[in-house]
Amino acid sequence: MTALWYLTRGSGVVALLLLTAATLLGALSAGRWRSERWPRFAVATVHRNLTLVALVFIGIHVTTTIADSYVPVGLKDAFIPFVSRYRPIWLGFGALAFDLLLALAISSALRRRIGYRAWRLLHWSAYAAWPLALVHGLGSGSDARYGWMAVLSFGCLTVVVLAVLGRLIFNRSPDLRLLVGAATFTLALGVGVWYATGPSKHGWASRAGTPKSLLKSATATRTPTRSLAAARARTTFGGRLDGRMSSSGPDGFGNAAVAMAMATRGGEPGLVRLTLWGSALDGGGLAMSRSNVVFQDAVSGTTYSGTVVELDENLVVADVTSSPGTTLRIVMRLQIDPAAATVTGTIAASPIAGSAG
């Protein structure tokens, strides 16, 4: 996951929220809503500014999507609908929404030249950008299956539907109210049914038009990690240790503690953390009473934890277990330099017979 990928997702979500707010204010403004604190010109100004800020975030969304080479989306795909190799229908809806908003921005800048009627027509057509953006986000977004994204998207849908229905109250034409009300209800119901049977279901990525090469690469990056971790759990490995140590005590009761953090070199890349508690001995050293040992596989991310089962001068033997239930016996021979607070040595590990793996 790259920073561009996170920025693409975040800017898309923010753009949807801004478009929802702009659509809500547009419906209120069209219904001649106002208050003492919010006169009509103030509502219109905020509506216009929200739309412009939404365009900025959409620009960021488009730019980062193109710049991120993981998904095959080019510059033409941002403007020409339904030509992309990546989820062409759902990405095409996003391109249509972008084109409509660009037309709105350009026509607003040229309003005096093109005339009020032409600008009004373009302005009303731009309202179609909101449902297109909503369906685009659910159809092509990587977060569509997550609960938070569904709540956010359908929360936006609910707000806009209520605003449109509220707007219809002020309309004097019964036929228009019936037509727009039925269309709004049908749109909301259609989006809900489509989401429940499409983006929320497993396998949507393939059905939505994700290239097979991306689906294969995603599977290839997940499967080896699991199989590699399992293979390592069944394979004896060894290497060198290099790290640092710290100690505390003895206190008034003679209790002391020693902690070591060591990296494994030349074999299984990882990190070993060893902590010993016990009574300090007169000639140096520690009579261990309890311990904690953690080994982290740096490649697979598997963590093993356990305790020391044998401690004899510089020999440390520990049994550690991972969450799936695989137990390893780790044998470490350590050389400690108290003056430099460093630790070096060797490590060898092998699975204990009968453990899962």
Protein backbone atom coordinates (compact mmCIF):
# COMPACT_ATOMS: atom_id res chain seq x y z
CA MET A 1 0.00 0.00 0.00
CA THR A 2 1.50 3.31 -1.06
CA ALA A 3 0.87 6.86 0.07
CA LEU A 4 -0.74 7.56 -3.31
CA TRP A 5 -3.21 4.73 -2.75
CA TYR A 6 -4.26 6.12 0.64
CA LEU A 7 -4.50 9.64 -0.80
CA THR A 8 -6.70 8.38 -3.64
CA ARG A 9 -9.12 6.73 -1.21
CA GLY A 10 -9.17 9.65 1.21
CA SER A 11 -9.68 12.34 -1.43
CA GLY A 12 -12.49 10.32 -3.01
CA VAL A 13 -14.34 10.02 0.30
CA VAL A 14 -13.90 13.74 1.06
CA ALA A 15 -15.09 14.66 -2.45
CA LEU A 16 -18.26 12.58 -1.97
CA LEU A 17 -18.99 14.31 1.35
CA LEU A 18 -18.46 17.75 -0.19
CA LEU A 19 -20.66 16.93 -3.18
CA THR A 20 -23.36 15.69 -0.82
CA ALA A 21 -23.23 18.94 1.15
CA ALA A 22 -23.31 20.99 -2.08
CA THR A 23 -26.28 18.99 -3.40
CA LEU A 24 -28.11 19.48 -0.10
CA LEU A 25 -27.56 23.24 -0.17
CA GLY A 26 -28.53 23.36 -3.85
CA ALA A 27 -31.85 21.70 -3.08
CA LEU A 28 -32.46 24.09 -0.17
CA SER A 29 -31.55 27.09 -2.31
CA ALA A 30 -33.84 25.95 -5.13
CA GLY A 31 -36.63 25.64 -2.56
CA ARG A 32 -36.04 29.25 -1.55
CA TRP A 33 -35.02 28.20 1.94
CA ARG A 34 -33.54 30.88 4.12
CA SER A 35 -33.29 32.04 7.72
CA GLU A 36 -32.25 35.14 9.59
CA ARG A 37 -28.74 33.78 9.98
CA TRP A 38 -28.61 32.21 6.51
CA PRO A 39 -30.09 34.51 3.85
CA ARG A 40 -30.43 33.09 0.32
CA PHE A 41 -27.26 34.75 -0.99
CA ALA A 42 -25.25 33.17 1.84
CA VAL A 43 -26.64 29.70 1.05
CA ALA A 44 -25.85 30.21 -2.66
CA THR A 45 -22.31 31.37 -1.87
CA VAL A 46 -21.57 28.38 0.38
CA HIS A 47 -23.11 26.07 -2.23
CA ARG A 48 -20.83 27.47 -4.94
CA ASN A 49 -17.72 27.31 -2.75
CA LEU A 50 -18.43 23.74 -1.65
CA THR A 51 -18.70 22.70 -5.29
CA LEU A 52 -15.36 24.34 -6.10
CA VAL A 53 -13.64 22.67 -3.14
CA ALA A 54 -15.17 19.34 -4.17
CA LEU A 55 -13.65 19.86 -7.64
CA VAL A 56 -10.25 20.38 -6.04
CA PHE A 57 -10.51 17.09 -4.13
CA ILE A 58 -11.76 15.32 -7.24
CA GLY A 59 -8.70 16.67 -9.04
CA ILE A 60 -6.50 15.22 -6.29
CA HIS A 61 -8.41 11.94 -6.53
CA VAL A 62 -7.93 11.74 -10.29
CA THR A 63 -4.27 12.80 -10.21
CA THR A 64 -3.24 10.29 -7.54
CA THR A 65 -5.18 7.51 -9.25
CA ILE A 66 -3.30 8.13 -12.49
CA ALA A 67 0.05 8.53 -10.71
CA ASP A 68 -0.36 5.25 -8.81
CA SER A 69 0.86 2.70 -11.33
CA TYR A 70 -0.79 -0.26 -9.57
CA VAL A 71 -4.15 0.30 -11.28
CA PRO A 72 -4.11 0.78 -15.10
CA VAL A 73 -5.93 4.13 -15.22
CA GLY A 74 -4.69 6.77 -17.68
CA LEU A 75 -5.43 10.43 -18.26
CA LYS A 76 -8.03 9.72 -20.95
CA ASP A 77 -9.95 7.48 -18.52
CA ALA A 78 -10.56 10.50 -16.26
CA PHE A 79 -12.44 12.35 -19.01
CA ILE A 80 -13.73 9.75 -21.48
CA PRO A 81 -16.30 7.41 -19.89
CA PHE A 82 -16.30 3.61 -20.23
CA VAL A 83 -12.94 3.21 -22.02
CA SER A 84 -10.81 2.20 -19.05
CA ARG A 85 -9.37 -1.31 -18.76
CA TYR A 86 -10.05 -1.16 -15.00
CA ARG A 87 -13.74 -1.56 -14.03
CA PRO A 88 -14.86 0.40 -17.13
CA ILE A 89 -18.54 0.90 -16.18
CA TRP A 90 -17.99 2.08 -12.63
CA LEU A 91 -14.94 4.17 -13.47
CA GLY A 92 -16.93 5.58 -16.39
CA PHE A 93 -19.59 6.90 -13.98
CA GLY A 94 -16.83 8.75 -12.15
CA ALA A 95 -15.59 10.25 -15.42
CA LEU A 96 -19.13 11.40 -16.27
CA ALA A 97 -19.47 13.05 -12.85
CA PHE A 98 -16.12 14.79 -13.32
CA ASP A 99 -17.11 16.03 -16.80
CA LEU A 100 -20.42 17.41 -15.53
CA LEU A 101 -18.76 19.30 -12.70
CA LEU A 102 -16.10 20.68 -15.03
CA ALA A 103 -18.87 21.87 -17.39
CA LEU A 104 -20.58 23.53 -14.43
CA ALA A 105 -17.39 25.31 -13.36
CA ILE A 106 -16.56 26.49 -16.89
CA SER A 107 -20.13 27.62 -17.62
CA SER A 108 -20.26 29.53 -14.33
CA ALA A 109 -17.09 31.38 -15.29
CA LEU A 110 -18.63 32.19 -18.72
CA ARG A 111 -22.15 32.81 -17.43
CA ARG A 112 -22.41 36.32 -18.84
CA ARG A 113 -21.34 35.19 -22.31
CA ILE A 114 -23.45 32.05 -22.67
CA GLY A 115 -26.60 33.55 -21.12
CA TYR A 116 -28.66 32.67 -18.08
CA ARG A 117 -30.84 30.00 -19.74
CA ALA A 118 -27.87 27.97 -21.06
CA TRP A 119 -26.11 28.26 -17.70
CA ARG A 120 -29.28 27.19 -15.87
CA LEU A 121 -29.61 24.09 -18.05
CA LEU A 122 -25.99 23.09 -17.41
CA HIS A 123 -26.42 23.84 -13.72
CA TRP A 124 -29.38 21.48 -13.38
CA SER A 125 -27.67 18.73 -15.40
CA ALA A 126 -24.71 18.94 -13.02
CA TYR A 127 -26.93 17.59 -10.22
CA ALA A 128 -26.63 14.21 -11.94
CA ALA A 129 -22.98 14.25 -10.90
CA TRP A 130 -23.89 13.34 -7.33
CA PRO A 131 -25.59 9.94 -7.96
CA LEU A 132 -22.92 9.14 -10.54
CA ALA A 133 -20.19 9.86 -7.98
CA LEU A 134 -21.97 7.75 -5.36
CA VAL A 135 -22.28 4.71 -7.65
CA HIS A 136 -18.71 5.24 -8.87
CA GLY A 137 -17.40 5.11 -5.31
CA LEU A 138 -19.32 1.96 -4.41
CA GLY A 139 -18.60 0.23 -7.71
CA SER A 140 -14.89 0.95 -8.10
CA GLY A 141 -13.73 1.78 -4.57
CA SER A 142 -11.63 -0.72 -2.66
CA ASP A 143 -13.50 0.10 0.58
CA ALA A 144 -17.00 -0.67 -0.74
CA ARG A 145 -17.33 -3.92 1.23
CA TYR A 146 -16.39 -2.32 4.55
CA GLY A 147 -19.17 -1.33 6.95
CA TRP A 148 -17.91 2.22 7.51
CA MET A 149 -18.00 2.97 3.78
CA ALA A 150 -21.52 1.56 3.44
CA VAL A 151 -22.73 3.65 6.38
CA LEU A 152 -21.12 6.79 4.96
CA SER A 153 -22.44 6.24 1.43
CA PHE A 154 -26.00 5.40 2.44
CA GLY A 155 -25.94 8.21 4.99
CA CYS A 156 -25.19 10.59 2.11
CA LEU A 157 -27.96 8.97 0.07
CA THR A 158 -30.46 9.43 2.90
CA VAL A 159 -29.55 13.10 3.37
CA VAL A 160 -29.97 13.88 -0.32
CA VAL A 161 -33.26 11.97 -0.63
CA LEU A 162 -34.70 13.85 2.36
CA ALA A 163 -33.52 17.16 0.88
CA VAL A 164 -35.18 16.41 -2.47
CA LEU A 165 -38.42 15.35 -0.79
CA GLY A 166 -38.32 18.51 1.31
CA ARG A 167 -37.80 20.54 -1.86
CA LEU A 168 -40.90 18.95 -3.41
CA ILE A 169 -43.07 20.32 -0.62
CA PHE A 170 -42.58 23.82 -2.02
CA ASN A 171 -43.42 22.78 -5.58
CA ARG A 172 -46.93 23.65 -6.68
CA SER A 173 -47.17 21.07 -9.49
CA PRO A 174 -48.66 17.75 -8.24
CA ASP A 175 -47.54 15.94 -11.39
CA LEU A 176 -43.94 17.11 -10.98
CA ARG A 177 -43.93 16.21 -7.30
CA LEU A 178 -45.18 12.71 -8.10
CA LEU A 179 -42.68 12.24 -10.93
CA VAL A 180 -39.62 13.49 -9.02
CA GLY A 181 -40.67 11.71 -5.83
CA ALA A 182 -41.08 8.39 -7.64
CA ALA A 183 -37.76 8.84 -9.46
CA THR A 184 -35.97 9.64 -6.18
CA PHE A 185 -37.48 6.63 -4.41
CA THR A 186 -36.63 4.35 -7.35
CA LEU A 187 -33.03 5.62 -7.42
CA ALA A 188 -32.54 5.07 -3.69
CA LEU A 189 -34.09 1.60 -3.81
CA GLY A 190 -32.09 0.68 -6.91
CA VAL A 191 -28.79 1.71 -5.35
CA GLY A 192 -29.59 -0.29 -2.20
CA VAL A 193 -30.53 -3.46 -4.09
CA TRP A 194 -27.55 -3.13 -6.44
CA TYR A 195 -25.12 -2.70 -3.53
CA ALA A 196 -26.60 -5.66 -1.61
CA THR A 197 -26.26 -7.97 -4.63
CA GLY A 198 -23.04 -6.51 -6.07
CA PRO A 199 -20.28 -4.56 -4.30
CA SER A 200 -21.06 -5.99 -0.86
CA LYS A 201 -20.65 -9.57 -2.10
CA HIS A 202 -17.45 -11.57 -2.37
CA GLY A 203 -16.08 -11.71 -5.92
CA TRP A 204 -17.25 -8.23 -6.89
CA ALA A 205 -13.74 -7.22 -8.00
CA SER A 206 -13.84 -9.81 -10.77
CA ARG A 207 -17.44 -9.07 -11.81
CA ALA A 208 -16.80 -5.32 -11.80
CA GLY A 209 -14.15 -5.65 -14.52
CA THR A 210 -10.84 -5.76 -12.65
CA PRO A 211 -8.15 -7.05 -15.06
CA LYS A 212 -7.24 -10.69 -14.48
CA SER A 213 -3.58 -9.75 -14.15
CA LEU A 214 -4.37 -7.65 -11.07
CA LEU A 215 -6.53 -10.37 -9.55
CA LYS A 216 -3.73 -12.91 -10.06
CA SER A 217 -1.09 -10.58 -8.62
CA ALA A 218 -3.24 -9.91 -5.56
CA THR A 219 -3.64 -13.65 -5.00
CA ALA A 220 0.07 -14.20 -5.56
CA THR A 221 1.04 -11.61 -2.97
CA ARG A 222 -1.26 -13.11 -0.33
CA THR A 223 -0.78 -16.84 -0.78
CA PRO A 224 3.03 -17.08 -0.58
CA THR A 225 3.05 -15.18 2.71
CA ARG A 226 0.84 -17.78 4.34
CA SER A 227 2.53 -20.77 2.77
CA LEU A 228 6.00 -19.32 3.42
CA ALA A 229 5.17 -18.77 7.08
CA ALA A 230 3.93 -22.34 7.38
CA ALA A 231 7.01 -23.69 5.60
CA ARG A 232 9.32 -21.74 7.87
CA ALA A 233 7.53 -23.08 10.93
CA ARG A 234 8.39 -26.61 9.76
CA THR A 235 11.99 -25.83 8.81
CA THR A 236 14.96 -25.71 11.13
CA PHE A 237 16.89 -22.49 10.79
CA GLY A 238 19.91 -20.90 12.36
CA GLY A 239 21.91 -17.71 12.25
CA ARG A 240 23.81 -15.09 14.21
CA LEU A 241 22.51 -12.77 16.89
CA ASP A 242 23.47 -9.14 17.34
CA GLY A 243 21.85 -6.72 19.76
CA ARG A 244 21.90 -4.77 22.99
CA MET A 245 21.04 -5.40 26.61
CA SER A 246 19.88 -3.44 29.63
CA SER A 247 19.56 -4.35 33.30
CA SER A 248 17.91 -3.03 36.42
CA GLY A 249 18.47 -3.76 40.10
CA PRO A 250 19.19 -5.33 42.38
CA ASP A 251 16.61 -3.61 44.55
CA GLY A 252 16.37 -3.74 48.34
CA PHE A 253 15.20 -7.35 48.17
CA GLY A 254 17.92 -8.45 45.77
CA ASN A 255 15.59 -8.66 42.74
CA ALA A 256 16.99 -7.78 39.32
CA ALA A 257 16.00 -7.93 35.68
CA VAL A 258 17.87 -8.26 32.37
CA ALA A 259 16.39 -7.39 28.96
CA MET A 260 17.93 -8.13 25.56
CA ALA A 261 16.82 -7.12 22.07
CA MET A 262 18.63 -8.98 19.29
CA ALA A 263 18.35 -9.15 15.52
CA THR A 264 18.95 -12.43 13.72
CA ARG A 265 21.49 -12.34 10.90
CA GLY A 266 22.50 -14.72 8.14
CA GLY A 267 19.53 -17.04 8.51
CA GLU A 268 15.94 -16.30 9.41
CA PRO A 269 15.54 -12.49 9.48
CA GLY A 270 13.75 -11.48 12.63
CA LEU A 271 13.93 -10.04 16.10
CA VAL A 272 14.38 -11.77 19.46
CA ARG A 273 13.40 -10.12 22.74
CA LEU A 274 14.52 -11.90 25.90
CA THR A 275 13.63 -10.71 29.41
CA LEU A 276 14.76 -12.46 32.61
CA TRP A 277 13.67 -11.71 36.16
CA GLY A 278 15.19 -13.18 39.31
CA SER A 279 17.60 -12.76 42.19
CA ALA A 280 21.02 -11.21 41.67
CA LEU A 281 23.92 -13.55 42.47
CA ASP A 282 26.93 -12.39 44.47
CA GLY A 283 29.42 -13.35 41.80
CA GLY A 284 27.35 -11.78 39.01
CA GLY A 285 24.54 -13.25 37.02
CA LEU A 286 20.94 -14.01 37.83
CA ALA A 287 19.02 -16.83 39.48
CA MET A 288 16.02 -16.77 37.12
CA SER A 289 12.52 -16.93 38.60
CA ARG A 290 10.52 -16.07 35.48
CA SER A 291 11.11 -15.11 31.85
CA ASN A 292 9.58 -13.94 28.60
CA VAL A 293 10.82 -14.70 25.08
CA VAL A 294 9.42 -13.27 21.84
CA PHE A 295 10.58 -14.10 18.30
CA GLN A 296 9.20 -12.06 15.38
CA ASP A 297 9.61 -13.31 11.80
CA ALA A 298 10.49 -10.14 9.87
CA VAL A 299 9.24 -11.50 6.53
CA SER A 300 5.92 -13.21 7.31
CA GLY A 301 5.12 -11.11 10.38
CA THR A 302 4.47 -14.22 12.49
CA THR A 303 5.09 -13.69 16.21
CA TYR A 304 6.12 -16.49 18.58
CA SER A 305 6.10 -16.02 22.35
CA GLY A 306 7.03 -18.24 25.26
CA THR A 307 9.43 -18.77 28.14
CA VAL A 308 12.94 -20.00 28.88
CA VAL A 309 13.05 -23.74 29.66
CA GLU A 310 16.79 -23.97 30.31
CA LEU A 311 19.37 -21.40 31.39
CA ASP A 312 23.00 -22.45 31.88
CA GLU A 313 25.53 -19.59 31.85
CA ASN A 314 25.59 -18.45 28.20
CA LEU A 315 23.16 -21.15 26.97
CA VAL A 316 19.48 -20.17 26.72
CA VAL A 317 16.81 -22.61 25.54
CA ALA A 318 13.24 -21.37 25.02
CA ASP A 319 9.97 -22.79 23.74
CA VAL A 320 7.87 -20.25 21.81
CA THR A 321 4.46 -20.65 20.15
CA SER A 322 2.70 -18.72 17.38
CA SER A 323 -1.02 -17.92 17.35
CA PRO A 324 -1.84 -20.79 14.91
CA GLY A 325 -0.29 -23.17 17.47
CA THR A 326 3.15 -23.91 16.00
CA THR A 327 5.80 -24.31 18.71
CA LEU A 328 9.52 -23.81 18.10
CA ARG A 329 12.42 -24.68 20.35
CA ILE A 330 15.02 -21.91 20.16
CA VAL A 331 18.59 -22.49 21.33
CA MET A 332 20.76 -19.40 21.83
CA ARG A 333 24.39 -19.18 22.86
CA LEU A 334 25.11 -15.65 23.98
CA GLN A 335 28.23 -13.56 24.59
CA ILE A 336 27.44 -10.53 26.73
CA ASP A 337 29.67 -7.48 27.08
CA PRO A 338 28.35 -5.65 30.18
CA ALA A 339 30.64 -2.65 29.66
CA ALA A 340 29.39 -2.00 26.11
CA ALA A 341 25.89 -3.33 26.87
CA THR A 342 26.00 -5.49 23.73
CA VAL A 343 24.99 -9.06 22.99
CA THR A 344 26.23 -11.35 20.23
CA GLY A 345 25.85 -15.06 19.64
CA THR A 346 24.11 -17.73 17.61
CA ILE A 347 20.54 -18.98 17.31
CA ALA A 348 19.08 -22.27 16.11
CA ALA A 349 15.42 -23.23 15.99
CA SER A 350 13.33 -26.20 15.04
CA PRO A 351 9.66 -27.15 15.43
CA ILE A 352 8.70 -29.32 18.36
CA ALA A 353 7.14 -32.58 17.26
CA GLY A 354 3.35 -32.59 17.49
CA SER A 355 2.87 -28.84 17.16
CA ALA A 356 0.54 -27.51 14.46
CA GLY A 357 2.12 -26.25 11.32
